N, C-alpha and C. Protein backbone atom coordinates (compact mmCIF):
# COMPACT_ATOMS: atom_id res chain seq x y z
N MET A 1 -3.82 -5.66 -2.07
CA MET A 1 -4.43 -5.95 -0.79
C MET A 1 -5.83 -6.44 -1.06
N LYS A 2 -6.24 -7.51 -0.41
CA LYS A 2 -7.60 -8.02 -0.54
C LYS A 2 -8.28 -8.00 0.83
N LEU A 3 -9.48 -7.42 0.85
CA LEU A 3 -10.32 -7.45 2.04
C LEU A 3 -11.49 -8.38 1.71
N VAL A 4 -11.73 -9.37 2.57
CA VAL A 4 -12.75 -10.38 2.29
C VAL A 4 -13.71 -10.49 3.47
N VAL A 5 -15.02 -10.48 3.17
CA VAL A 5 -16.04 -10.76 4.17
C VAL A 5 -16.91 -11.89 3.65
N GLU A 6 -17.46 -12.67 4.57
CA GLU A 6 -18.38 -13.73 4.20
C GLU A 6 -19.78 -13.33 4.67
N VAL A 7 -20.75 -13.41 3.77
CA VAL A 7 -22.12 -13.02 4.08
C VAL A 7 -23.00 -14.25 4.15
N ALA A 8 -24.12 -14.16 4.88
CA ALA A 8 -25.03 -15.29 5.02
C ALA A 8 -25.84 -15.52 3.74
N ASN A 9 -26.21 -14.43 3.08
CA ASN A 9 -27.05 -14.50 1.88
C ASN A 9 -26.17 -14.33 0.64
N PRO A 10 -26.10 -15.34 -0.23
CA PRO A 10 -25.24 -15.22 -1.41
C PRO A 10 -25.69 -14.13 -2.39
N ASP A 11 -26.92 -13.60 -2.22
CA ASP A 11 -27.42 -12.54 -3.09
C ASP A 11 -27.27 -11.15 -2.47
N ALA A 12 -26.66 -11.08 -1.30
CA ALA A 12 -26.54 -9.80 -0.58
C ALA A 12 -25.66 -8.82 -1.35
N GLU A 13 -26.13 -7.57 -1.40
CA GLU A 13 -25.35 -6.47 -1.99
C GLU A 13 -24.60 -5.78 -0.86
N VAL A 14 -23.35 -5.43 -1.10
CA VAL A 14 -22.56 -4.76 -0.08
C VAL A 14 -22.05 -3.43 -0.62
N LYS A 15 -21.72 -2.54 0.31
CA LYS A 15 -21.04 -1.28 -0.01
C LYS A 15 -19.73 -1.28 0.73
N TRP A 16 -18.70 -0.79 0.08
CA TRP A 16 -17.39 -0.65 0.71
C TRP A 16 -17.13 0.84 0.93
N LEU A 17 -16.69 1.18 2.15
CA LEU A 17 -16.39 2.57 2.50
C LEU A 17 -14.92 2.69 2.88
N LYS A 18 -14.35 3.84 2.52
CA LYS A 18 -13.00 4.18 2.94
C LYS A 18 -13.11 5.47 3.74
N ASN A 19 -12.78 5.41 5.03
CA ASN A 19 -12.93 6.56 5.94
C ASN A 19 -14.32 7.15 5.84
N GLY A 20 -15.33 6.28 5.74
CA GLY A 20 -16.72 6.72 5.73
C GLY A 20 -17.27 7.13 4.37
N GLN A 21 -16.43 7.17 3.34
CA GLN A 21 -16.87 7.56 2.00
C GLN A 21 -16.99 6.31 1.12
N GLU A 22 -18.11 6.19 0.41
CA GLU A 22 -18.32 5.02 -0.42
C GLU A 22 -17.30 4.95 -1.55
N LEU A 23 -16.74 3.77 -1.73
CA LEU A 23 -15.79 3.54 -2.82
C LEU A 23 -16.57 3.22 -4.09
N ARG A 24 -16.11 3.75 -5.18
CA ARG A 24 -16.70 3.51 -6.50
C ARG A 24 -15.62 2.93 -7.40
N VAL A 25 -16.05 2.27 -8.44
CA VAL A 25 -15.11 1.76 -9.43
C VAL A 25 -14.42 2.95 -10.09
N SER A 26 -13.09 2.95 -10.05
CA SER A 26 -12.34 4.03 -10.71
C SER A 26 -11.08 3.42 -11.31
N GLY A 27 -11.13 3.18 -12.61
CA GLY A 27 -9.98 2.55 -13.27
C GLY A 27 -9.75 1.16 -12.71
N SER A 28 -8.49 0.83 -12.48
CA SER A 28 -8.16 -0.50 -11.97
C SER A 28 -7.71 -0.45 -10.51
N LYS A 29 -7.93 0.68 -9.83
CA LYS A 29 -7.51 0.82 -8.43
C LYS A 29 -8.27 -0.14 -7.52
N TYR A 30 -9.60 -0.15 -7.64
CA TYR A 30 -10.45 -1.00 -6.79
C TYR A 30 -11.17 -2.03 -7.65
N ILE A 31 -11.17 -3.26 -7.17
CA ILE A 31 -11.92 -4.33 -7.83
C ILE A 31 -12.88 -4.91 -6.80
N PHE A 32 -14.17 -4.96 -7.15
CA PHE A 32 -15.21 -5.50 -6.28
C PHE A 32 -15.65 -6.84 -6.84
N GLU A 33 -15.62 -7.89 -5.99
CA GLU A 33 -16.01 -9.22 -6.45
C GLU A 33 -17.03 -9.84 -5.51
N SER A 34 -17.92 -10.63 -6.10
CA SER A 34 -18.87 -11.45 -5.35
C SER A 34 -18.65 -12.88 -5.81
N ILE A 35 -18.16 -13.72 -4.91
CA ILE A 35 -17.93 -15.12 -5.23
C ILE A 35 -18.64 -15.96 -4.17
N GLY A 36 -19.81 -16.49 -4.54
CA GLY A 36 -20.61 -17.24 -3.58
C GLY A 36 -21.02 -16.34 -2.43
N ASN A 37 -20.64 -16.73 -1.23
CA ASN A 37 -20.97 -15.94 -0.05
C ASN A 37 -19.85 -14.95 0.32
N LYS A 38 -18.82 -14.87 -0.48
CA LYS A 38 -17.71 -13.97 -0.18
C LYS A 38 -17.85 -12.69 -0.98
N ARG A 39 -17.51 -11.57 -0.33
CA ARG A 39 -17.44 -10.27 -0.98
C ARG A 39 -16.00 -9.80 -0.80
N ILE A 40 -15.36 -9.45 -1.92
CA ILE A 40 -13.94 -9.15 -1.90
C ILE A 40 -13.69 -7.76 -2.48
N LEU A 41 -12.92 -6.97 -1.75
CA LEU A 41 -12.43 -5.69 -2.24
C LEU A 41 -10.93 -5.85 -2.44
N THR A 42 -10.48 -5.65 -3.68
CA THR A 42 -9.05 -5.69 -3.98
C THR A 42 -8.58 -4.26 -4.22
N ILE A 43 -7.51 -3.88 -3.54
CA ILE A 43 -6.90 -2.56 -3.71
C ILE A 43 -5.57 -2.79 -4.42
N ASN A 44 -5.49 -2.33 -5.66
CA ASN A 44 -4.27 -2.51 -6.45
C ASN A 44 -3.28 -1.38 -6.20
N ASN A 45 -2.01 -1.70 -6.33
CA ASN A 45 -0.92 -0.72 -6.21
C ASN A 45 -1.06 0.14 -4.95
N CYS A 46 -1.08 -0.51 -3.80
CA CYS A 46 -1.24 0.21 -2.53
C CYS A 46 -0.18 1.30 -2.39
N SER A 47 -0.65 2.43 -1.87
CA SER A 47 0.24 3.56 -1.59
C SER A 47 -0.12 4.11 -0.22
N LEU A 48 0.62 5.12 0.22
CA LEU A 48 0.33 5.73 1.52
C LEU A 48 -1.08 6.30 1.57
N ALA A 49 -1.63 6.69 0.44
CA ALA A 49 -3.00 7.24 0.39
C ALA A 49 -4.05 6.18 0.73
N ASP A 50 -3.69 4.89 0.67
CA ASP A 50 -4.64 3.82 0.98
C ASP A 50 -4.67 3.49 2.47
N ASP A 51 -3.81 4.12 3.25
CA ASP A 51 -3.81 3.94 4.70
C ASP A 51 -5.10 4.56 5.24
N ALA A 52 -6.05 3.71 5.68
CA ALA A 52 -7.38 4.22 6.04
C ALA A 52 -8.18 3.17 6.79
N ALA A 53 -9.37 3.58 7.22
CA ALA A 53 -10.35 2.68 7.82
C ALA A 53 -11.30 2.23 6.71
N TYR A 54 -11.51 0.92 6.60
CA TYR A 54 -12.38 0.36 5.57
C TYR A 54 -13.56 -0.34 6.26
N THR A 55 -14.74 -0.16 5.68
CA THR A 55 -15.96 -0.74 6.21
C THR A 55 -16.73 -1.41 5.09
N CYS A 56 -17.24 -2.60 5.38
CA CYS A 56 -18.14 -3.29 4.48
C CYS A 56 -19.53 -3.19 5.10
N VAL A 57 -20.51 -2.65 4.35
CA VAL A 57 -21.85 -2.42 4.87
C VAL A 57 -22.85 -3.27 4.11
N ILE A 58 -23.68 -4.00 4.88
CA ILE A 58 -24.77 -4.80 4.31
C ILE A 58 -26.00 -4.43 5.13
N GLY A 59 -26.87 -3.59 4.57
CA GLY A 59 -28.05 -3.12 5.31
C GLY A 59 -27.60 -2.38 6.56
N GLU A 60 -27.99 -2.89 7.74
CA GLU A 60 -27.61 -2.28 9.01
C GLU A 60 -26.32 -2.90 9.59
N GLU A 61 -25.86 -3.98 8.99
CA GLU A 61 -24.66 -4.67 9.47
C GLU A 61 -23.41 -4.04 8.89
N LYS A 62 -22.33 -4.01 9.70
CA LYS A 62 -21.06 -3.43 9.26
C LYS A 62 -19.91 -4.31 9.75
N SER A 63 -18.88 -4.39 8.92
CA SER A 63 -17.63 -5.01 9.30
C SER A 63 -16.54 -3.99 9.03
N PHE A 64 -15.64 -3.80 9.99
CA PHE A 64 -14.69 -2.69 9.96
C PHE A 64 -13.27 -3.20 10.15
N THR A 65 -12.33 -2.59 9.45
CA THR A 65 -10.92 -2.88 9.65
C THR A 65 -10.09 -1.64 9.30
N GLU A 66 -8.86 -1.63 9.74
CA GLU A 66 -7.95 -0.55 9.38
C GLU A 66 -6.79 -1.12 8.59
N LEU A 67 -6.38 -0.39 7.57
CA LEU A 67 -5.23 -0.77 6.76
C LEU A 67 -4.12 0.22 7.05
N PHE A 68 -2.97 -0.29 7.45
CA PHE A 68 -1.80 0.54 7.70
C PHE A 68 -0.78 0.27 6.60
N VAL A 69 -0.42 1.30 5.86
CA VAL A 69 0.51 1.17 4.75
C VAL A 69 1.82 1.85 5.14
N ARG A 70 2.91 1.13 5.01
CA ARG A 70 4.23 1.68 5.30
C ARG A 70 5.07 1.64 4.04
N GLU A 71 5.99 2.59 3.93
CA GLU A 71 6.93 2.56 2.83
C GLU A 71 8.01 1.53 3.15
N PRO A 72 8.47 0.82 2.12
CA PRO A 72 9.55 -0.14 2.39
C PRO A 72 10.82 0.62 2.78
N PRO A 73 11.68 -0.02 3.58
CA PRO A 73 12.91 0.67 3.97
C PRO A 73 13.82 0.87 2.76
N VAL A 74 14.59 1.94 2.80
CA VAL A 74 15.57 2.20 1.75
C VAL A 74 16.81 1.35 2.06
N LEU A 75 17.26 0.60 1.08
CA LEU A 75 18.41 -0.28 1.26
C LEU A 75 19.61 0.24 0.47
N VAL A 76 20.79 -0.01 0.98
CA VAL A 76 22.02 0.32 0.26
C VAL A 76 22.31 -0.88 -0.65
N LEU A 77 22.22 -0.66 -1.98
CA LEU A 77 22.45 -1.74 -2.94
C LEU A 77 23.93 -1.89 -3.29
N ARG A 78 24.64 -0.79 -3.34
CA ARG A 78 26.07 -0.81 -3.62
C ARG A 78 26.73 0.09 -2.58
N PRO A 79 27.50 -0.50 -1.66
CA PRO A 79 28.08 0.30 -0.57
C PRO A 79 29.26 1.14 -1.04
N LEU A 80 29.68 2.02 -0.15
CA LEU A 80 30.87 2.85 -0.40
C LEU A 80 32.10 1.96 -0.53
N GLU A 81 33.05 2.41 -1.33
CA GLU A 81 34.30 1.68 -1.48
C GLU A 81 35.42 2.48 -0.81
N ASP A 82 36.41 1.75 -0.26
CA ASP A 82 37.57 2.41 0.33
C ASP A 82 38.31 3.19 -0.76
N GLN A 83 38.87 4.34 -0.41
CA GLN A 83 39.61 5.18 -1.35
C GLN A 83 40.94 5.56 -0.70
N MET A 84 41.96 5.72 -1.53
CA MET A 84 43.24 6.21 -1.04
C MET A 84 43.63 7.40 -1.91
N VAL A 85 43.84 8.55 -1.29
CA VAL A 85 44.21 9.76 -2.02
C VAL A 85 45.34 10.47 -1.27
N MET A 86 46.01 11.36 -1.98
CA MET A 86 47.05 12.16 -1.36
C MET A 86 46.41 13.43 -0.79
N VAL A 87 47.03 14.01 0.21
CA VAL A 87 46.54 15.25 0.80
C VAL A 87 46.37 16.29 -0.30
N GLY A 88 45.26 16.99 -0.28
CA GLY A 88 44.98 18.03 -1.25
C GLY A 88 44.27 17.55 -2.50
N GLU A 89 44.21 16.23 -2.72
CA GLU A 89 43.50 15.70 -3.88
C GLU A 89 42.00 15.64 -3.60
N ARG A 90 41.25 15.59 -4.65
CA ARG A 90 39.79 15.49 -4.54
C ARG A 90 39.39 14.01 -4.49
N VAL A 91 38.37 13.71 -3.70
CA VAL A 91 37.85 12.34 -3.62
C VAL A 91 36.33 12.38 -3.74
N GLU A 92 35.76 11.40 -4.40
CA GLU A 92 34.31 11.28 -4.52
C GLU A 92 33.87 9.94 -3.95
N PHE A 93 32.77 9.98 -3.21
CA PHE A 93 32.18 8.76 -2.67
C PHE A 93 30.82 8.56 -3.32
N GLU A 94 30.52 7.34 -3.69
CA GLU A 94 29.26 7.05 -4.35
C GLU A 94 28.71 5.74 -3.82
N CYS A 95 27.39 5.73 -3.57
CA CYS A 95 26.72 4.49 -3.21
C CYS A 95 25.39 4.45 -3.94
N GLU A 96 24.81 3.28 -4.07
CA GLU A 96 23.53 3.13 -4.75
C GLU A 96 22.49 2.66 -3.74
N VAL A 97 21.32 3.32 -3.75
CA VAL A 97 20.25 2.96 -2.83
C VAL A 97 19.06 2.43 -3.62
N SER A 98 18.14 1.78 -2.93
CA SER A 98 17.04 1.06 -3.58
C SER A 98 15.89 1.96 -4.05
N GLU A 99 15.88 3.22 -3.67
CA GLU A 99 14.77 4.09 -4.04
C GLU A 99 15.30 5.39 -4.63
N GLU A 100 14.86 5.70 -5.84
CA GLU A 100 15.26 6.95 -6.48
C GLU A 100 14.74 8.12 -5.67
N GLY A 101 15.59 9.10 -5.43
CA GLY A 101 15.18 10.28 -4.68
C GLY A 101 15.12 10.09 -3.18
N ALA A 102 15.66 8.97 -2.69
CA ALA A 102 15.64 8.70 -1.24
C ALA A 102 16.41 9.78 -0.49
N GLN A 103 15.96 10.08 0.73
CA GLN A 103 16.65 11.02 1.60
C GLN A 103 17.79 10.27 2.28
N VAL A 104 19.01 10.68 1.99
CA VAL A 104 20.19 10.07 2.62
C VAL A 104 20.99 11.13 3.34
N LYS A 105 21.75 10.70 4.34
CA LYS A 105 22.62 11.62 5.07
C LYS A 105 24.05 11.13 4.92
N TRP A 106 24.94 12.07 4.73
CA TRP A 106 26.36 11.76 4.65
C TRP A 106 27.00 12.16 5.96
């Protein structure tokens, strides 16, 4: 995810906040860039924990947005197959879904 703001002064320093707390460089999770008049915050490997309010602060000026992160839907990759058994025999049904450990209902 990239958040981009354009500033009037190409030398302006900005602070990025997540839910009011200043973001700091920590590994490769956040990348802060200054390209001309643009200030860019890149959030790598978005997860549900990144669902938050983000603010770019320059002196007294602020720009605010909210990021909503959703999990992708679980898909059935290999559906159930028809089975024919005799009364009293055991039968097994198996399907493959797109997410390991997904909650499924039979």
